[in-house]
Protein backbone atom coordinates (compact mmCIF):
# COMPACT_ATOMS: atom_id res chain seq x y z
CA MET A 1 10.87 0.24 -7.55
CA PRO A 2 8.90 -2.59 -5.13
CA TYR A 3 10.04 -2.86 -1.68
CA LYS A 4 12.47 -6.27 -0.98
CA SER A 5 11.47 -5.57 2.66
CA LYS A 6 9.71 -4.07 4.91
CA ARG A 7 12.47 -1.72 6.37
CA GLU A 8 12.32 -0.01 2.30
CA LEU A 9 8.85 0.98 3.54
CA PRO A 10 7.91 4.86 3.82
CA LYS A 11 8.45 5.86 7.37
CA GLY A 12 4.42 6.55 7.39
CA VAL A 13 3.38 2.50 6.74
CA ARG A 14 6.57 1.60 8.92
CA ASN A 15 6.08 3.90 12.01
CA ASN A 16 2.03 3.12 12.30
CA LEU A 17 0.85 -0.04 10.66
CA PRO A 18 1.29 -3.38 12.54
CA LEU A 19 2.87 -5.63 10.47
CA ASP A 20 0.20 -7.92 9.14
CA ALA A 21 -0.76 -4.27 7.48
CA GLN A 22 3.13 -3.87 6.52
CA GLU A 23 2.97 -6.86 5.01
CA ILE A 24 -0.58 -5.97 2.50
CA TYR A 25 1.07 -3.23 1.99
CA GLN A 26 4.44 -4.52 0.69
CA ASP A 27 2.76 -7.08 -0.71
CA THR A 28 0.20 -5.01 -2.56
CA TYR A 29 2.29 -2.19 -3.43
CA ASN A 30 4.69 -4.76 -5.60
CA SER A 31 1.66 -6.64 -7.13
CA ALA A 32 0.31 -3.41 -8.01
CA GLU A 33 3.51 -1.61 -9.62
CA GLU A 34 3.53 -4.30 -11.77
CA PHE A 35 0.65 -4.34 -13.17
CA TYR A 36 0.28 -0.33 -13.29
CA LYS A 37 3.72 0.05 -15.17
CA GLU A 38 1.76 0.76 -18.90
CA LYS A 39 0.21 4.31 -18.86
CA SER A 40 -2.79 2.02 -20.38
CA LYS A 41 -3.99 0.96 -18.05
CA ARG A 42 -3.63 3.51 -15.35
CA LYS A 43 -6.89 5.76 -14.66
CA ASN A 44 -5.65 9.54 -14.52
CA PRO A 45 -1.99 7.92 -17.42
CA ASN A 46 0.21 11.24 -15.66
CA GLU A 47 0.37 9.57 -12.72
CA SER A 48 3.03 7.54 -11.87
CA LYS A 49 3.12 3.42 -11.04
CA GLU A 50 4.24 4.31 -7.90
CA GLU A 51 1.63 7.07 -7.03
CA VAL A 52 -0.99 4.85 -8.23
CA ALA A 53 1.07 1.26 -6.52
CA ALA A 54 0.79 3.46 -3.62
CA LYS A 55 -2.76 4.52 -3.56
CA VAL A 56 -3.59 0.63 -4.34
CA ALA A 57 -2.17 -0.45 -1.25
CA TRP A 58 -3.38 1.64 0.94
CA SER A 59 -6.43 0.78 -0.12
CA ALA A 60 -5.86 -2.94 0.66
CA VAL A 61 -4.37 -1.77 4.25
CA LYS A 62 -7.98 0.11 4.70
CA SER A 63 -9.78 -2.79 3.23
CA LYS A 64 -8.79 -5.17 6.29
CA TYR A 65 -7.86 -2.26 9.26
CA LYS A 66 -9.15 1.23 10.33
CA LYS A 67 -7.99 3.58 12.67
CA VAL A 68 -9.13 4.57 15.73
CA ASP A 69 -8.08 7.29 17.65
CA ASP A 70 -4.43 7.34 16.58
CA ARG A 71 -3.43 3.11 16.32
CA TRP A 72 -4.75 1.16 12.85
CA LYS A 73 -7.02 -2.19 14.67
CA ARG A 74 -8.28 -4.81 12.17
CA ILE A 75 -11.26 -5.28 11.05
CA ARG A 76 -13.47 -7.64 12.56
CA ILE A 77 -15.57 -9.39 10.58
C-alpha cells in the first residue's frame, strides 16, 4: 500500500534517514509499487510488489546518501 505521509514509513526509515531521504524513499516506493503491481514486470515474480518497491526505494536513497558511522550523509557530486 502506498505511503500517504512520512509518519507511515517503516521505523527504520523514519528513525534513521534525514527528511529529504525519507521523501526520496516515499516517492520512489510509491512509484515502484504502482509500476511493479504486475508480476510480469518483476525479475522475481515470487517477490511481492512491496518487497520490490522497498528495494527500489532503498536503492534510490543510496544513490544520493551514504551511511557514515551511524548517520546518513548526502553525497556531494
